[in-house]
Amino acid sequence: MEVQIHILEQEAYCSVLRAFIAQSDAITWEKHDLIRELRRELRVSDDEHRQLLSKINSDDIIRRIRDWRQGGGSS
């Protein structure tokens, strides 16, 4: 059960990171503080954080959102 709980914790953390990255490539200090707090509460290690961030940065949806923002956000 602990493994299942940790998978849920990682999924929750990943969802928040994806939303923040979709909003903007620049993370505010407030969001940075929230991410740090979430990492602590959801027991996400440095290695897990790096792996999840890499996964998010290679996600097609996130790439399309970034391309859309860079193109001026039209359509």
C-alpha atoms as a PDB file:
ATOM      1  CA  MET A   1       0.000   0.000   0.000  1.00  0.00           C
ATOM      2  CA  GLU A   2       2.863   2.415   0.686  1.00  0.00           C
ATOM      3  CA  VAL A   3       3.987   2.076  -2.940  1.00  0.00           C
ATOM      4  CA  GLN A   4       0.476   2.850  -4.180  1.00  0.00           C
ATOM      5  CA  ILE A   5       0.267   5.889  -1.919  1.00  0.00           C
ATOM      6  CA  HIS A   6       3.619   7.169  -3.176  1.00  0.00           C
ATOM      7  CA  ILE A   7       2.507   6.738  -6.797  1.00  0.00           C
ATOM      8  CA  LEU A   8      -0.517   8.914  -6.010  1.00  0.00           C
ATOM      9  CA  GLU A   9       1.757  11.470  -4.352  1.00  0.00           C
ATOM     10  CA  GLN A  10       3.960  11.604  -7.439  1.00  0.00           C
ATOM     11  CA  GLU A  11       0.943  11.955  -9.726  1.00  0.00           C
ATOM     12  CA  ALA A  12      -0.408  14.829  -7.641  1.00  0.00           C
ATOM     13  CA  TYR A  13       2.952  16.585  -7.636  1.00  0.00           C
ATOM     14  CA  CYS A  14       3.370  16.051 -11.371  1.00  0.00           C
ATOM     15  CA  SER A  15      -0.074  17.526 -12.056  1.00  0.00           C
ATOM     16  CA  VAL A  16       0.745  20.699 -10.158  1.00  0.00           C
ATOM     17  CA  LEU A  17       4.085  21.054 -11.952  1.00  0.00           C
ATOM     18  CA  ARG A  18       2.412  20.528 -15.332  1.00  0.00           C
ATOM     19  CA  ALA A  19      -0.158  23.218 -14.563  1.00  0.00           C
ATOM     20  CA  PHE A  20       2.494  25.705 -13.443  1.00  0.00           C
ATOM     21  CA  ILE A  21       4.658  25.019 -16.500  1.00  0.00           C
ATOM     22  CA  ALA A  22       1.624  25.295 -18.783  1.00  0.00           C
ATOM     23  CA  GLN A  23       0.856  28.701 -17.273  1.00  0.00           C
ATOM     24  CA  SER A  24       4.347  30.061 -17.851  1.00  0.00           C
ATOM     25  CA  ASP A  25       7.950  28.976 -18.281  1.00  0.00           C
ATOM     26  CA  ALA A  26       8.897  31.368 -15.473  1.00  0.00           C
ATOM     27  CA  ILE A  27       7.990  30.118 -12.005  1.00  0.00           C
ATOM     28  CA  THR A  28       7.253  32.871  -9.471  1.00  0.00           C
ATOM     29  CA  TRP A  29       8.806  32.819  -6.003  1.00  0.00           C
ATOM     30  CA  GLU A  30       5.377  32.027  -4.549  1.00  0.00           C
ATOM     31  CA  LYS A  31       4.994  29.017  -6.816  1.00  0.00           C
ATOM     32  CA  HIS A  32       8.563  27.963  -6.078  1.00  0.00           C
ATOM     33  CA  ASP A  33       7.769  28.014  -2.355  1.00  0.00           C
ATOM     34  CA  LEU A  34       4.598  26.028  -2.954  1.00  0.00           C
ATOM     35  CA  ILE A  35       6.496  23.449  -5.016  1.00  0.00           C
ATOM     36  CA  ARG A  36       9.058  23.081  -2.218  1.00  0.00           C
ATOM     37  CA  GLU A  37       6.253  22.589   0.318  1.00  0.00           C
ATOM     38  CA  LEU A  38       4.488  20.074  -1.926  1.00  0.00           C
ATOM     39  CA  ARG A  39       7.709  18.124  -2.372  1.00  0.00           C
ATOM     40  CA  ARG A  40       8.024  17.853   1.384  1.00  0.00           C
ATOM     41  CA  GLU A  41       4.386  16.940   2.004  1.00  0.00           C
ATOM     42  CA  LEU A  42       4.186  14.482  -0.906  1.00  0.00           C
ATOM     43  CA  ARG A  43       7.592  12.939  -0.171  1.00  0.00           C
ATOM     44  CA  VAL A  44       9.063  13.646  -3.612  1.00  0.00           C
ATOM     45  CA  SER A  45      12.836  13.246  -3.617  1.00  0.00           C
ATOM     46  CA  ASP A  46      15.305  15.328  -5.644  1.00  0.00           C
ATOM     47  CA  ASP A  47      15.760  12.452  -8.101  1.00  0.00           C
ATOM     48  CA  GLU A  48      12.008  11.968  -8.465  1.00  0.00           C
ATOM     49  CA  HIS A  49      11.572  15.705  -9.009  1.00  0.00           C
ATOM     50  CA  ARG A  50      14.176  15.690 -11.796  1.00  0.00           C
ATOM     51  CA  GLN A  51      12.602  12.620 -13.432  1.00  0.00           C
ATOM     52  CA  LEU A  52       9.105  14.098 -13.297  1.00  0.00           C
ATOM     53  CA  LEU A  53      10.321  17.438 -14.628  1.00  0.00           C
ATOM     54  CA  SER A  54      12.069  15.706 -17.521  1.00  0.00           C
ATOM     55  CA  LYS A  55       8.881  13.774 -18.281  1.00  0.00           C
ATOM     56  CA  ILE A  56       6.816  16.978 -18.200  1.00  0.00           C
ATOM     57  CA  ASN A  57       9.249  18.873 -20.437  1.00  0.00           C
ATOM     58  CA  SER A  58       9.031  16.130 -23.069  1.00  0.00           C
ATOM     59  CA  ASP A  59       5.210  15.942 -22.873  1.00  0.00           C
ATOM     60  CA  ASP A  60       3.508  16.735 -26.218  1.00  0.00           C
ATOM     61  CA  ILE A  61       0.729  18.763 -24.623  1.00  0.00           C
ATOM     62  CA  ILE A  62       3.213  20.940 -22.725  1.00  0.00           C
ATOM     63  CA  ARG A  63       5.232  21.417 -25.940  1.00  0.00           C
ATOM     64  CA  ARG A  64       2.118  22.511 -27.846  1.00  0.00           C
ATOM     65  CA  ILE A  65       1.206  24.950 -25.078  1.00  0.00           C
ATOM     66  CA  ARG A  66       4.726  26.429 -25.136  1.00  0.00           C
ATOM     67  CA  ASP A  67       4.630  26.717 -28.934  1.00  0.00           C
ATOM     68  CA  TRP A  68       1.229  28.388 -28.714  1.00  0.00           C
ATOM     69  CA  ARG A  69       2.493  30.890 -26.125  1.00  0.00           C
ATOM     70  CA  GLN A  70       5.609  31.655 -28.171  1.00  0.00           C
ATOM     71  CA  GLY A  71       3.433  32.222 -31.237  1.00  0.00           C
ATOM     72  CA  GLY A  72       1.462  34.890 -29.439  1.00  0.00           C
ATOM     73  CA  GLY A  73      -1.278  32.685 -28.016  1.00  0.00           C
ATOM     74  CA  SER A  74      -3.693  33.089 -30.882  1.00  0.00           C
ATOM     75  CA  SER A  75      -6.284  30.436 -31.855  1.00  0.00           C
END
